[in-house]
């Protein structure tokens, strides 16, 4: 049967869906599969849905939307997983701004329960249908600046923006990518607005959340293969280097890491900065510069540089210093 949809969540963007959606009432399901749901509740603490246009709207009880099945394991958000079988009438939850839908199991106390939805139908369409070609061996790549961090909300995307702005002002054609996290367009939109001429994310590789995949390095390779027409790639790893989003596995791929020219680490505090450096060192990865809240004052910057012996720069207050530290990586 066909269902009319009020709103297409941004996580469905790679599929370019429109009009009534063909659905089944019952089906075995997979991660990345499109579902049509009706909202049953509202949440004043987490009320919005991002649409495929990037616009955000407040969801009201009774809205019909298309989202994608996936998982989320956020330290400061919702926790839930993609179900393996669904029937019309089943109850699920909207787990994030982008419209990833799954079974809610817990979340941060300040957010309450996510918006509950009733399943109206299950589509045969899956994000995999629009995935970039898989690349198993990356022969070459443009210079890459990797931005990682100790946790979510440590300034990774803000730092990525400042790097893109600075390189763009220098006349560079910048490609930007989000490799890990949970599906949403807001970060790649910010990258584009900062000046990136090409932006891609794990969504373009058929993955709604990297909780649901163990092949983070494969995502990076597939994206980098599409970035050969830029001068430099700024690549962000969402969430922290430890956790459920499989970020740490990125650093285990030695062939991929051989293409990384600089590593920017965003840390919430000095302990996180030290820990991040130690963890990455175990993988044979050196931190080029520390950014994030740990560098919000001179106290943090001086401790990082004089005591820990690692370069530090606040991307918001001293972007020129940050670009200067990164300059050797993009000299070509």
Protein backbone atom coordinates (compact mmCIF):
# COMPACT_ATOMS: atom_id res chain seq x y z
CA UNK A 1 0.00 0.00 0.00
CA UNK A 2 1.02 3.66 -0.32
CA UNK A 3 1.19 6.12 2.57
CA UNK A 4 1.18 9.90 2.35
CA UNK A 5 4.00 11.40 4.43
CA UNK A 6 3.95 14.84 6.05
CA UNK A 7 7.68 15.06 6.69
CA UNK A 8 10.77 13.27 5.39
CA UNK A 9 13.44 13.12 8.10
CA UNK A 10 16.93 14.24 7.05
CA UNK A 11 18.35 10.75 7.59
CA UNK A 12 16.43 9.69 4.45
CA UNK A 13 18.13 12.37 2.31
CA UNK A 14 20.42 10.04 0.29
CA UNK A 15 17.34 8.22 -1.01
CA UNK A 16 15.64 11.40 -2.33
CA UNK A 17 12.19 10.09 -1.41
CA UNK A 18 9.06 11.95 -2.44
CA UNK A 19 5.30 11.52 -2.68
CA UNK A 20 3.44 8.56 -1.21
CA UNK A 21 5.74 5.81 0.10
CA UNK A 22 5.20 2.15 -0.78
CA UNK A 23 5.10 0.13 2.45
CA UNK A 24 4.28 -3.27 3.89
CA UNK A 25 2.35 -3.83 7.09
CA UNK A 26 4.72 -6.49 8.39
CA UNK A 27 8.33 -7.35 7.56
CA UNK A 28 11.68 -8.51 8.77
CA UNK A 29 13.76 -5.36 8.99
CA UNK A 30 17.37 -4.27 8.70
CA UNK A 31 19.37 -1.29 9.85
CA UNK A 32 18.93 1.55 7.40
CA UNK A 33 15.42 0.55 6.35
CA UNK A 34 12.82 3.28 5.83
CA UNK A 35 9.72 3.24 8.06
CA UNK A 36 6.66 5.46 8.05
CA UNK A 37 5.38 6.36 11.52
CA UNK A 38 2.84 8.57 13.27
CA UNK A 39 3.88 10.53 16.37
CA UNK A 40 1.99 9.61 19.54
CA UNK A 41 3.63 12.01 21.99
CA UNK A 42 5.52 15.30 22.17
CA UNK A 43 8.71 16.14 24.05
CA UNK A 44 9.33 19.79 25.04
CA UNK A 45 12.96 18.97 25.91
CA UNK A 46 13.74 17.36 22.52
CA UNK A 47 10.93 18.49 20.21
CA UNK A 48 12.52 18.95 16.80
CA UNK A 49 13.02 16.94 13.63
CA UNK A 50 15.50 17.90 10.94
CA UNK A 51 14.08 17.62 7.42
CA UNK A 52 15.90 16.68 4.20
CA UNK A 53 16.18 20.42 3.46
CA UNK A 54 18.08 20.96 6.72
CA UNK A 55 15.15 22.89 8.16
CA UNK A 56 14.08 22.00 11.70
CA UNK A 57 10.43 21.64 12.66
CA UNK A 58 8.69 21.00 15.96
CA UNK A 59 6.89 17.67 15.92
CA UNK A 60 3.27 17.57 17.07
CA UNK A 61 1.14 14.61 18.01
CA UNK A 62 -0.30 13.04 14.86
CA UNK A 63 2.48 14.02 12.43
CA UNK A 64 3.29 11.34 9.84
CA UNK A 65 6.95 11.06 8.92
CA UNK A 66 9.43 8.82 7.17
CA UNK A 67 12.58 7.93 9.09
CA UNK A 68 15.17 5.17 9.11
CA UNK A 69 15.77 2.29 11.51
CA UNK A 70 19.00 2.59 13.45
CA UNK A 71 20.69 2.67 16.84
CA UNK A 72 21.96 5.37 19.15
CA UNK A 73 24.20 5.09 22.22
CA UNK A 74 24.68 8.69 23.39
CA UNK A 75 26.28 9.64 26.69
CA UNK A 76 24.28 12.88 26.71
CA UNK A 77 21.28 11.83 24.66
CA UNK A 78 19.07 8.81 23.98
CA UNK A 79 19.98 5.12 23.89
CA UNK A 80 18.13 2.70 21.64
CA UNK A 81 18.55 0.04 18.98
CA UNK A 82 17.11 -0.98 15.61
CA UNK A 83 14.50 -3.77 15.78
CA UNK A 84 14.77 -6.84 13.54
CA UNK A 85 11.08 -7.33 12.86
CA UNK A 86 8.17 -4.91 12.74
CA UNK A 87 4.44 -4.84 12.19
CA UNK A 88 2.06 -1.95 11.66
CA UNK A 89 0.88 -0.83 15.09
CA UNK A 90 4.21 -1.48 16.83
CA UNK A 91 5.58 1.34 19.00
CA UNK A 92 9.08 2.80 18.56
CA UNK A 93 10.83 6.10 19.37
CA UNK A 94 12.61 8.89 17.46
CA UNK A 95 16.15 8.64 18.79
CA UNK A 96 17.73 11.77 17.31
CA UNK A 97 17.20 15.03 15.47
CA UNK A 98 17.78 13.40 12.08
CA UNK A 99 14.98 10.86 12.38
CA UNK A 100 16.78 7.64 13.34
CA UNK A 101 14.05 5.41 14.77
CA UNK A 102 14.41 2.46 17.15
CA UNK A 103 13.48 0.91 20.46
CA UNK A 104 14.29 3.28 23.33
CA UNK A 105 16.04 1.71 26.31
CA UNK A 106 17.27 4.75 28.26
CA UNK A 107 18.59 8.27 28.06
CA UNK A 108 19.88 11.38 29.74
CA UNK A 109 17.72 12.52 32.65
CA UNK A 110 17.36 16.07 31.29
CA UNK A 111 15.74 14.97 28.03
CA UNK A 112 12.86 12.82 29.26
CA UNK A 113 11.43 10.10 27.01
CA UNK A 114 11.94 10.59 23.26
CA UNK A 115 8.91 11.08 21.05
CA UNK A 116 6.98 7.82 20.80
CA UNK A 117 5.71 6.75 17.38
CA UNK A 118 3.34 4.15 15.94
CA UNK A 119 4.58 2.18 12.93
CA UNK A 120 2.23 2.63 9.96
CA UNK A 121 4.27 0.73 7.39
CA UNK A 122 7.69 -0.60 6.48
CA UNK A 123 9.31 0.32 3.16
CA UNK A 124 11.62 -1.93 1.17
CA UNK A 125 13.91 1.07 0.61
CA UNK A 126 17.16 1.07 2.57
CA UNK A 127 19.99 3.61 2.81
CA UNK A 128 22.20 0.95 1.24
CA UNK A 129 20.30 1.52 -2.02
CA UNK A 130 22.06 4.88 -2.43
CA UNK A 131 25.44 4.02 -0.87
CA UNK A 132 28.72 5.14 -2.39
CA UNK A 133 30.80 2.40 -4.05
CA UNK A 134 32.72 0.36 -1.50
CA UNK A 135 36.50 0.87 -1.57
CA UNK A 136 38.61 -1.90 -0.02
CA UNK A 137 42.03 -0.48 -0.88
CA UNK A 138 42.73 3.24 -1.00
CA UNK A 139 45.57 3.77 -3.44
CA UNK A 140 46.00 7.51 -2.89
CA UNK A 141 44.29 10.39 -1.13
CA UNK A 142 44.47 14.14 -0.83
CA UNK A 143 46.11 15.63 2.32
CA UNK A 144 43.85 14.79 5.29
CA UNK A 145 43.33 16.65 8.56
CA UNK A 146 41.55 14.39 11.04
CA UNK A 147 39.46 15.91 13.86
CA UNK A 148 38.64 13.60 16.77
CA UNK A 149 37.70 14.12 20.40
CA UNK A 150 37.24 12.79 23.90
CA UNK A 151 33.43 12.89 23.83
CA UNK A 152 30.42 14.39 22.10
CA UNK A 153 30.07 18.16 22.53
CA UNK A 154 33.78 18.94 22.78
CA UNK A 155 33.89 21.38 19.85
CA UNK A 156 34.85 19.00 17.05
CA UNK A 157 32.49 20.45 14.46
CA UNK A 158 33.24 24.04 15.49
CA UNK A 159 36.95 23.27 15.09
CA UNK A 160 36.31 21.60 11.74
CA UNK A 161 34.46 24.73 10.60
CA UNK A 162 37.34 27.02 11.55
CA UNK A 163 39.86 24.84 9.74
CA UNK A 164 37.68 24.82 6.62
CA UNK A 165 37.22 28.61 6.79
CA UNK A 166 40.95 29.21 7.19
CA UNK A 167 41.97 26.87 4.36
CA UNK A 168 39.29 28.30 2.08
CA UNK A 169 40.57 31.84 2.71
CA UNK A 170 43.99 30.58 1.61
CA UNK A 171 42.45 29.60 -1.73
CA UNK A 172 42.25 25.87 -1.05
CA UNK A 173 39.43 23.70 -2.35
CA UNK A 174 38.33 21.88 0.80
CA UNK A 175 36.42 18.61 1.03
CA UNK A 176 34.79 17.78 4.37
CA UNK A 177 33.47 14.54 5.82
CA UNK A 178 31.73 13.17 8.91
CA UNK A 179 32.82 9.56 9.40
CA UNK A 180 31.16 8.47 12.64
CA UNK A 181 28.09 9.39 14.66
CA UNK A 182 24.31 9.13 14.30
CA UNK A 183 22.55 10.28 11.14
CA UNK A 184 21.84 13.99 10.72
CA UNK A 185 22.66 16.70 8.17
CA UNK A 186 23.41 19.59 10.52
CA UNK A 187 27.17 19.00 10.74
CA UNK A 188 27.74 18.59 7.00
CA UNK A 189 25.57 21.67 6.43
CA UNK A 190 27.83 23.61 8.80
CA UNK A 191 30.85 22.32 6.89
CA UNK A 192 29.36 23.44 3.59
CA UNK A 193 28.49 26.86 5.00
CA UNK A 194 32.08 27.18 6.22
CA UNK A 195 33.28 26.86 2.63
CA UNK A 196 33.71 23.15 1.87
CA UNK A 197 33.14 22.50 -1.84
CA UNK A 198 32.17 18.87 -1.24
CA UNK A 199 30.65 17.28 1.87
CA UNK A 200 29.91 13.61 2.57
CA UNK A 201 29.09 11.52 5.61
CA UNK A 202 28.49 7.93 6.72
CA UNK A 203 24.88 8.43 5.60
CA UNK A 204 26.20 8.49 2.03
CA UNK A 205 27.70 5.06 2.72
CA UNK A 206 24.32 3.56 3.66
CA UNK A 207 24.84 3.74 7.43
CA UNK A 208 22.33 5.55 9.71
CA UNK A 209 24.58 5.24 12.77
CA UNK A 210 28.07 3.87 13.22
CA UNK A 211 26.80 2.03 16.30
CA UNK A 212 25.42 -0.32 13.64
CA UNK A 213 28.66 -0.97 11.74
CA UNK A 214 32.13 -2.26 12.48
CA UNK A 215 33.55 -0.92 9.21
CA UNK A 216 34.32 2.69 10.06
CA UNK A 217 37.57 2.53 8.07
CA UNK A 218 35.59 1.32 5.05
CA UNK A 219 33.34 4.38 5.32
CA UNK A 220 36.39 6.64 5.34
CA UNK A 221 37.92 4.91 2.31
CA UNK A 222 34.71 5.15 0.30
CA UNK A 223 34.41 8.86 1.07
CA UNK A 224 38.07 9.67 0.43
CA UNK A 225 37.84 8.01 -2.99
CA UNK A 226 35.21 10.67 -3.86
CA UNK A 227 37.47 13.52 -2.72
CA UNK A 228 40.27 13.38 -5.27
CA UNK A 229 39.14 16.65 -6.88
CA UNK A 230 39.82 18.80 -3.78
CA UNK A 231 43.08 20.16 -2.37
CA UNK A 232 42.63 18.95 1.20
CA UNK A 233 40.11 16.91 3.20
CA UNK A 234 38.99 17.82 6.72
CA UNK A 235 37.56 14.67 8.26
CA UNK A 236 35.61 14.61 11.55
CA UNK A 237 35.06 11.57 13.74
CA UNK A 238 31.82 12.15 15.65
CA UNK A 239 31.45 11.16 19.33
CA UNK A 240 34.56 10.23 21.36
CA UNK A 241 37.44 7.92 20.52
CA UNK A 242 36.06 5.51 23.14
CA UNK A 243 32.46 4.35 23.12
CA UNK A 244 29.80 2.58 21.08
CA UNK A 245 30.28 4.42 17.78
CA UNK A 246 33.32 2.31 16.83
CA UNK A 247 35.56 5.37 16.49
CA UNK A 248 38.60 3.62 17.95
CA UNK A 249 38.54 1.01 15.16
CA UNK A 250 39.36 3.79 12.69
CA UNK A 251 42.85 4.03 14.16
CA UNK A 252 43.47 0.29 13.82
CA UNK A 253 43.55 0.47 10.02
CA UNK A 254 47.21 1.15 9.41
CA UNK A 255 46.83 1.55 5.65
CA UNK A 256 44.16 4.22 6.17
CA UNK A 257 46.14 5.99 8.89
CA UNK A 258 49.12 6.24 6.53
CA UNK A 259 47.08 8.80 4.57
CA UNK A 260 46.39 11.03 7.61
CA UNK A 261 48.62 14.13 7.63
CA UNK A 262 47.53 15.74 10.93
CA UNK A 263 45.39 14.82 13.94
CA UNK A 264 43.43 17.47 15.85
CA UNK A 265 42.14 16.26 19.22
CA UNK A 266 39.30 18.14 20.94
CA UNK A 267 39.29 17.55 24.69
CA UNK A 268 36.81 18.53 27.38
CA UNK A 269 39.56 19.07 29.97
CA UNK A 270 43.22 18.41 30.69
CA UNK A 271 42.66 14.84 31.87
CA UNK A 272 40.77 14.08 28.66
CA UNK A 273 43.58 15.63 26.63
CA UNK A 274 46.16 13.47 28.38
CA UNK A 275 44.02 10.35 28.07
CA UNK A 276 43.32 10.94 24.40
CA UNK A 277 46.99 11.34 23.64
CA UNK A 278 47.82 8.13 25.54
CA UNK A 279 45.08 6.10 23.85
CA UNK A 280 46.05 7.27 20.38
CA UNK A 281 49.72 6.62 21.13
CA UNK A 282 48.84 2.96 21.75
CA UNK A 283 47.61 2.90 18.17
CA UNK A 284 50.80 4.55 16.98
CA UNK A 285 49.02 7.83 16.30
CA UNK A 286 50.50 11.19 17.33
CA UNK A 287 48.30 14.17 18.21
CA UNK A 288 49.29 17.24 16.19
CA UNK A 289 47.34 19.78 18.25
CA UNK A 290 44.76 19.85 21.06
CA UNK A 291 41.64 22.04 20.77
CA UNK A 292 38.27 22.18 22.51
CA UNK A 293 37.24 23.29 26.04
CA UNK A 294 40.63 22.24 27.44
CA UNK A 295 42.04 25.28 25.61
CA UNK A 296 39.37 27.82 26.59
CA UNK A 297 41.84 29.77 28.75
CA UNK A 298 45.57 30.33 28.86
CA UNK A 299 45.70 28.03 31.88
CA UNK A 300 44.81 25.05 29.72
CA UNK A 301 46.94 26.05 26.75
CA UNK A 302 50.06 26.62 28.85
CA UNK A 303 49.64 23.33 30.75
CA UNK A 304 49.18 21.38 27.54
CA UNK A 305 52.20 22.94 25.90
CA UNK A 306 54.61 23.27 28.82
CA UNK A 307 53.70 20.25 30.96
CA UNK A 308 52.25 17.72 28.52
CA UNK A 309 54.41 18.88 25.63
CA UNK A 310 51.66 18.97 22.98
CA UNK A 311 50.70 21.92 20.80
CA UNK A 312 47.43 23.59 21.78
CA UNK A 313 45.18 26.21 20.19
CA UNK A 314 41.62 27.32 20.74
CA UNK A 315 39.91 27.15 17.37
CA UNK A 316 37.41 29.90 18.20
CA UNK A 317 39.67 32.48 19.84
CA UNK A 318 42.94 31.77 18.02
CA UNK A 319 42.20 30.09 14.67
CA UNK A 320 45.30 31.64 13.13
CA UNK A 321 47.52 29.72 15.57
CA UNK A 322 45.67 26.51 14.78
CA UNK A 323 46.10 26.99 11.02
CA UNK A 324 49.75 27.76 11.55
CA UNK A 325 50.29 24.48 13.41
CA UNK A 326 48.46 22.56 10.68
CA UNK A 327 50.22 24.33 7.78
CA UNK A 328 52.93 21.68 7.23
CA UNK A 329 50.24 19.03 6.72
CA UNK A 330 48.70 20.89 3.78
CA UNK A 331 51.83 22.48 2.32
CA UNK A 332 51.49 20.56 -0.94
